[in-house]
Amino acid sequence: MSCTVPQRIVSLTCSNTEILFALGLGERVVGVDDWSDFPLEVKALPRVGPDLKIDIAKVAALEPDLVLASLSVPGMERNLPDLERLGVPFVVLEPKSLDDVFKDIETIGAATGVSETGQRLIADLQARIKAVLARACEAVGRPTLYWEWWPKPLISPGRWSWIVQISELAGADLLFKDVEATSFVAQESEVVEHDPDFVMLCWCGTLQKKMNVSKVRERPGWERLRAVKQGRIHCFPEDLFGRPGPRLVEGLERLARVVHPEVFVEAPTGRAH
């Protein structure tokens, strides 16, 4: 990569876009993927296609001097051969944990000449995580969470997902934390058999608008779950949990308040204290 600080950056996925803006680099971003929607300024930027099928001609037309790619979702690897042929400097990130997100912030900060800003951002995020962990340690009990990315078939995160770490920091355990996968198709019988304390819906993409706790209550056999009996079915926004960027920490804070309301209270800023 050139030693020249890039001034025209194209981001191919939401998480990279959010890191760029969190680093104060919004003015350098000249194009983003179709799904990037945060912060609001992003909506005015040119689009280069969905993150799983980037239009490389649109990327080239923006004349970037740096492209930020990702492998955080299966299928994104199909973009890489086109980027290599384009001949523009690019960085490929593959986050699977909160620690990986911090490394990505460092990588992007170094590649764009704002390393000190990156370190400050990481320090702030880590301080917020530490505050959540301290509160969670005061909680009594450690509930089990069934997390659902997709309803038909049931898709849940496994061991290699950052949701495992986020659940643990919030004082809970992910139901399928021992499954050797980032995400996988779960069987309804397995969920019913394990009888989780909470059911957490975080459906992806266009299904976000269709999430409804009643759809879980109506599933045959699910009325026996303690989460259903006790009204512990919750809907969460995908952008706070499905994007490996700075806002995962906001997601952690929200999750902690739901899982352990006895020790977490809502502060004026919306953060857990």
Protein backbone atom coordinates (compact mmCIF):
# COMPACT_ATOMS: atom_id res chain seq x y z
CA MET A 1 0.00 0.00 0.00
CA SER A 2 1.18 3.52 -0.76
CA CYS A 3 2.51 5.68 2.07
CA THR A 4 0.25 8.49 0.88
CA VAL A 5 -2.70 9.06 3.21
CA PRO A 6 -5.84 8.01 1.27
CA GLN A 7 -8.33 10.77 0.59
CA ARG A 8 -10.96 8.83 -1.37
CA ILE A 9 -12.23 5.75 0.45
CA VAL A 10 -14.90 3.25 -0.58
CA SER A 11 -16.40 0.93 2.04
CA LEU A 12 -17.95 -2.38 1.00
CA THR A 13 -19.80 -3.21 4.21
CA CYS A 14 -21.74 -1.48 7.01
CA SER A 15 -19.27 -2.22 9.80
CA ASN A 16 -16.33 -0.68 7.93
CA THR A 17 -18.43 2.36 7.09
CA GLU A 18 -19.33 2.87 10.75
CA ILE A 19 -15.70 2.54 11.82
CA LEU A 20 -14.66 5.17 9.26
CA PHE A 21 -17.23 7.66 10.55
CA ALA A 22 -16.42 6.89 14.19
CA LEU A 23 -12.82 7.80 13.33
CA GLY A 24 -13.96 11.15 11.93
CA LEU A 25 -13.20 10.17 8.33
CA GLY A 26 -16.65 10.79 6.88
CA GLU A 27 -15.45 13.50 4.51
CA ARG A 28 -13.06 11.05 2.85
CA VAL A 29 -15.71 8.38 2.20
CA VAL A 30 -16.81 8.67 -1.44
CA GLY A 31 -18.89 5.49 -1.76
CA VAL A 32 -20.45 2.70 0.28
CA ASP A 33 -22.31 -0.59 -0.15
CA ASP A 34 -26.10 -0.61 -0.47
CA TRP A 35 -26.70 -1.62 3.15
CA SER A 36 -24.66 1.10 4.89
CA ASP A 37 -27.10 3.45 6.61
CA PHE A 38 -25.33 4.86 9.68
CA PRO A 39 -24.70 7.64 10.48
CA LEU A 40 -27.32 9.66 8.61
CA GLU A 41 -24.73 11.35 6.38
CA VAL A 42 -24.06 7.99 4.75
CA LYS A 43 -27.45 8.02 3.03
CA ALA A 44 -26.30 10.75 0.64
CA LEU A 45 -23.26 8.81 -0.59
CA PRO A 46 -23.00 6.93 -3.91
CA ARG A 47 -23.79 3.20 -3.72
CA VAL A 48 -21.69 0.40 -5.20
CA GLY A 49 -24.06 -2.54 -4.77
CA PRO A 50 -24.96 -5.03 -2.01
CA ASP A 51 -22.09 -6.24 0.16
CA LEU A 52 -22.33 -9.78 -1.25
CA LYS A 53 -22.21 -8.63 -4.87
CA ILE A 54 -20.31 -5.38 -5.28
CA ASP A 55 -20.43 -3.67 -8.68
CA ILE A 56 -16.73 -3.22 -9.32
CA ALA A 57 -17.39 -0.81 -12.19
CA LYS A 58 -19.14 1.55 -9.78
CA VAL A 59 -16.20 1.27 -7.39
CA ALA A 60 -13.76 2.12 -10.20
CA ALA A 61 -15.84 5.12 -11.28
CA LEU A 62 -15.41 6.67 -7.83
CA GLU A 63 -11.60 6.63 -8.30
CA PRO A 64 -10.79 5.49 -4.74
CA ASP A 65 -7.28 5.34 -3.38
CA LEU A 66 -8.38 2.85 -0.69
CA VAL A 67 -11.14 0.24 -0.57
CA LEU A 68 -12.18 -1.43 2.69
CA ALA A 69 -13.49 -4.95 2.15
CA SER A 70 -14.69 -7.57 4.63
CA LEU A 71 -15.18 -11.30 5.10
CA SER A 72 -17.56 -10.97 8.05
CA VAL A 73 -20.42 -12.59 6.09
CA PRO A 74 -20.05 -15.76 3.96
CA GLY A 75 -20.06 -14.79 0.29
CA MET A 76 -18.13 -11.53 0.65
CA GLU A 77 -15.02 -13.32 -0.56
CA ARG A 78 -16.48 -13.21 -4.08
CA ASN A 79 -15.64 -9.49 -4.20
CA LEU A 80 -11.90 -10.02 -3.77
CA PRO A 81 -10.89 -11.20 -7.27
CA ASP A 82 -12.51 -8.12 -8.81
CA LEU A 83 -10.70 -5.86 -6.36
CA GLU A 84 -7.40 -7.51 -7.22
CA ARG A 85 -8.02 -6.96 -10.93
CA LEU A 86 -8.98 -3.34 -10.29
CA GLY A 87 -5.51 -2.68 -8.93
CA VAL A 88 -6.61 -0.23 -6.22
CA PRO A 89 -5.13 -0.59 -2.70
CA PHE A 90 -7.58 -2.46 -0.48
CA VAL A 91 -7.77 -3.85 3.05
CA VAL A 92 -9.70 -7.01 3.91
CA LEU A 93 -11.04 -7.40 7.46
CA GLU A 94 -12.47 -10.57 9.02
CA PRO A 95 -13.74 -9.80 12.54
CA LYS A 96 -15.20 -12.58 14.69
CA SER A 97 -14.98 -11.01 18.17
CA LEU A 98 -14.91 -7.67 19.96
CA ASP A 99 -11.12 -7.95 20.12
CA ASP A 100 -11.10 -8.31 16.34
CA VAL A 101 -13.21 -5.15 16.05
CA PHE A 102 -10.57 -3.27 18.06
CA LYS A 103 -7.86 -4.64 15.76
CA ASP A 104 -9.89 -3.51 12.76
CA ILE A 105 -10.14 -0.01 14.20
CA GLU A 106 -6.36 -0.03 14.63
CA THR A 107 -5.86 -1.30 11.07
CA ILE A 108 -8.17 1.29 9.52
CA GLY A 109 -6.71 4.04 11.69
CA ALA A 110 -3.17 3.15 10.57
CA ALA A 111 -4.18 2.86 6.91
CA THR A 112 -5.83 6.30 6.96
CA GLY A 113 -3.32 8.21 9.07
CA VAL A 114 -5.47 8.58 12.21
CA SER A 115 -3.90 6.02 14.54
CA GLU A 116 -4.17 8.23 17.62
CA THR A 117 -7.87 8.77 17.01
CA GLY A 118 -8.26 5.02 16.68
CA GLN A 119 -6.58 4.42 20.02
CA ARG A 120 -8.86 6.94 21.72
CA LEU A 121 -11.92 5.28 20.21
CA ILE A 122 -10.76 1.86 21.37
CA ALA A 123 -10.07 3.15 24.88
CA ASP A 124 -13.58 4.64 25.10
CA LEU A 125 -15.21 1.41 23.90
CA GLN A 126 -13.16 -0.71 26.30
CA ALA A 127 -14.08 1.57 29.21
CA ARG A 128 -17.78 1.12 28.42
CA ILE A 129 -17.32 -2.65 28.24
CA LYS A 130 -15.53 -2.65 31.58
CA ALA A 131 -18.43 -0.72 33.13
CA VAL A 132 -20.94 -3.28 31.88
CA LEU A 133 -18.82 -6.19 33.11
CA ALA A 134 -18.51 -4.65 36.58
CA ARG A 135 -22.30 -4.37 36.86
CA ALA A 136 -22.91 -7.82 35.44
CA CYS A 137 -20.67 -9.32 38.12
CA GLU A 138 -23.15 -8.00 40.72
CA ALA A 139 -26.05 -9.91 39.16
CA VAL A 140 -27.45 -13.07 40.69
CA GLY A 141 -27.72 -15.98 38.27
CA ARG A 142 -26.53 -16.46 34.72
CA PRO A 143 -29.42 -16.93 32.27
CA THR A 144 -29.21 -18.80 28.98
CA LEU A 145 -30.02 -16.92 25.77
CA TYR A 146 -31.36 -18.44 22.57
CA TRP A 147 -30.36 -15.97 19.85
CA GLU A 148 -32.05 -16.12 16.45
CA TRP A 149 -30.69 -14.54 13.27
CA TRP A 150 -33.30 -16.11 10.97
CA PRO A 151 -36.68 -17.81 11.55
CA LYS A 152 -37.07 -20.27 8.62
CA PRO A 153 -34.91 -22.25 8.99
CA LEU A 154 -33.82 -21.30 12.48
CA ILE A 155 -30.33 -19.81 12.27
CA SER A 156 -28.47 -19.15 15.50
CA PRO A 157 -24.91 -17.99 16.26
CA GLY A 158 -22.33 -20.51 17.42
CA ARG A 159 -18.97 -20.50 19.15
CA TRP A 160 -17.18 -18.36 16.58
CA SER A 161 -19.65 -15.47 16.77
CA TRP A 162 -19.07 -12.26 18.72
CA ILE A 163 -22.53 -12.86 20.24
CA VAL A 164 -20.91 -15.43 22.57
CA GLN A 165 -18.59 -12.79 23.99
CA ILE A 166 -21.29 -10.13 24.17
CA SER A 167 -23.60 -12.54 26.03
CA GLU A 168 -20.89 -13.40 28.55
CA LEU A 169 -20.04 -9.76 29.19
CA ALA A 170 -23.73 -9.09 29.84
CA GLY A 171 -23.78 -11.82 32.48
CA ALA A 172 -25.40 -14.57 30.40
CA ASP A 173 -24.54 -17.59 28.24
CA LEU A 174 -25.43 -18.18 24.61
CA LEU A 175 -27.45 -21.37 24.23
CA PHE A 176 -25.34 -22.82 21.42
CA LYS A 177 -21.96 -21.44 22.45
CA ASP A 178 -20.29 -24.84 22.02
CA VAL A 179 -21.34 -25.35 18.40
CA GLU A 180 -18.24 -25.09 16.19
CA ALA A 181 -19.60 -22.50 13.77
CA THR A 182 -20.09 -18.78 13.31
CA SER A 183 -23.78 -19.50 12.69
CA PHE A 184 -25.72 -22.65 11.89
CA VAL A 185 -29.19 -24.11 11.33
CA ALA A 186 -30.65 -25.04 14.72
CA GLN A 187 -33.40 -27.60 15.23
CA GLU A 188 -36.58 -26.50 17.02
CA SER A 189 -36.42 -29.68 19.10
CA GLU A 190 -32.99 -28.64 20.40
CA VAL A 191 -34.24 -25.22 21.48
CA VAL A 192 -37.27 -26.71 23.23
CA GLU A 193 -35.15 -29.39 24.90
CA HIS A 194 -32.65 -26.88 26.30
CA ASP A 195 -35.44 -24.55 27.48
CA PRO A 196 -33.54 -21.20 27.45
CA ASP A 197 -34.30 -18.39 29.90
CA PHE A 198 -34.59 -15.82 27.10
CA VAL A 199 -35.45 -15.86 23.40
CA MET A 200 -33.66 -13.06 21.55
CA LEU A 201 -34.86 -12.24 18.04
CA CYS A 202 -32.45 -10.33 15.82
CA TRP A 203 -33.57 -11.20 12.32
CA CYS A 204 -31.41 -10.04 9.43
CA GLY A 205 -32.10 -7.73 6.52
CA THR A 206 -35.68 -7.10 5.44
CA LEU A 207 -37.03 -9.50 8.07
CA GLN A 208 -36.18 -6.94 10.77
CA LYS A 209 -39.53 -5.25 10.11
CA LYS A 210 -41.39 -8.54 10.54
CA MET A 211 -40.03 -9.48 13.97
CA ASN A 212 -42.80 -10.03 16.49
CA VAL A 213 -42.83 -11.92 19.78
CA SER A 214 -46.22 -13.39 18.88
CA LYS A 215 -44.59 -15.36 16.07
CA VAL A 216 -42.50 -17.20 18.67
CA ARG A 217 -45.43 -17.82 20.99
CA GLU A 218 -47.37 -19.38 18.10
CA ARG A 219 -44.69 -21.96 17.23
CA PRO A 220 -45.94 -25.48 18.06
CA GLY A 221 -44.41 -26.70 21.31
CA TRP A 222 -42.75 -23.41 22.18
CA GLU A 223 -45.47 -22.58 24.69
CA ARG A 224 -43.63 -24.95 27.05
CA LEU A 225 -40.50 -22.77 27.09
CA ARG A 226 -39.88 -20.82 30.29
CA ALA A 227 -38.94 -17.80 28.15
CA VAL A 228 -42.42 -17.87 26.59
CA LYS A 229 -44.22 -18.52 29.88
CA GLN A 230 -42.39 -15.65 31.60
CA GLY A 231 -42.65 -13.19 28.70
CA ARG A 232 -38.92 -13.17 28.08
CA ILE A 233 -38.98 -12.84 24.29
CA HIS A 234 -37.21 -9.75 23.03
CA CYS A 235 -36.58 -8.13 19.65
CA PHE A 236 -33.25 -6.43 18.94
CA PRO A 237 -32.05 -4.23 16.04
CA GLU A 238 -29.65 -6.03 13.75
CA ASP A 239 -27.48 -2.93 13.32
CA LEU A 240 -26.41 -3.10 17.01
CA PHE A 241 -25.59 -6.82 17.00
CA GLY A 242 -24.98 -7.99 13.44
CA ARG A 243 -22.38 -5.41 12.43
CA PRO A 244 -18.85 -5.89 13.81
CA GLY A 245 -18.16 -2.22 14.47
CA PRO A 246 -18.18 0.29 17.35
CA ARG A 247 -21.93 0.01 17.91
CA LEU A 248 -21.60 -3.57 19.16
CA VAL A 249 -20.80 -1.95 22.50
CA GLU A 250 -24.11 -0.09 22.41
CA GLY A 251 -25.72 -3.46 21.70
CA LEU A 252 -23.95 -4.96 24.71
CA GLU A 253 -25.27 -2.17 26.93
CA ARG A 254 -28.81 -2.74 25.70
CA LEU A 255 -28.58 -6.51 26.13
CA ALA A 256 -27.27 -6.18 29.67
CA ARG A 257 -30.25 -4.01 30.67
CA VAL A 258 -32.66 -6.64 29.33
CA VAL A 259 -30.90 -9.65 30.86
CA HIS A 260 -30.18 -8.15 34.27
CA PRO A 261 -32.58 -5.24 34.89
CA GLU A 262 -32.00 -5.66 38.63
CA VAL A 263 -28.48 -4.23 38.38
CA PHE A 264 -28.67 -2.07 35.25
CA VAL A 265 -30.55 1.20 35.06
CA GLU A 266 -31.13 3.51 32.12
CA ALA A 267 -28.85 6.54 32.26
CA PRO A 268 -29.77 9.83 30.50
CA THR A 269 -27.23 9.06 27.77
CA GLY A 270 -28.81 5.70 27.08
CA ARG A 271 -25.77 3.84 28.42
CA ALA A 272 -25.77 1.24 31.16
CA HIS A 273 -24.56 2.33 34.59
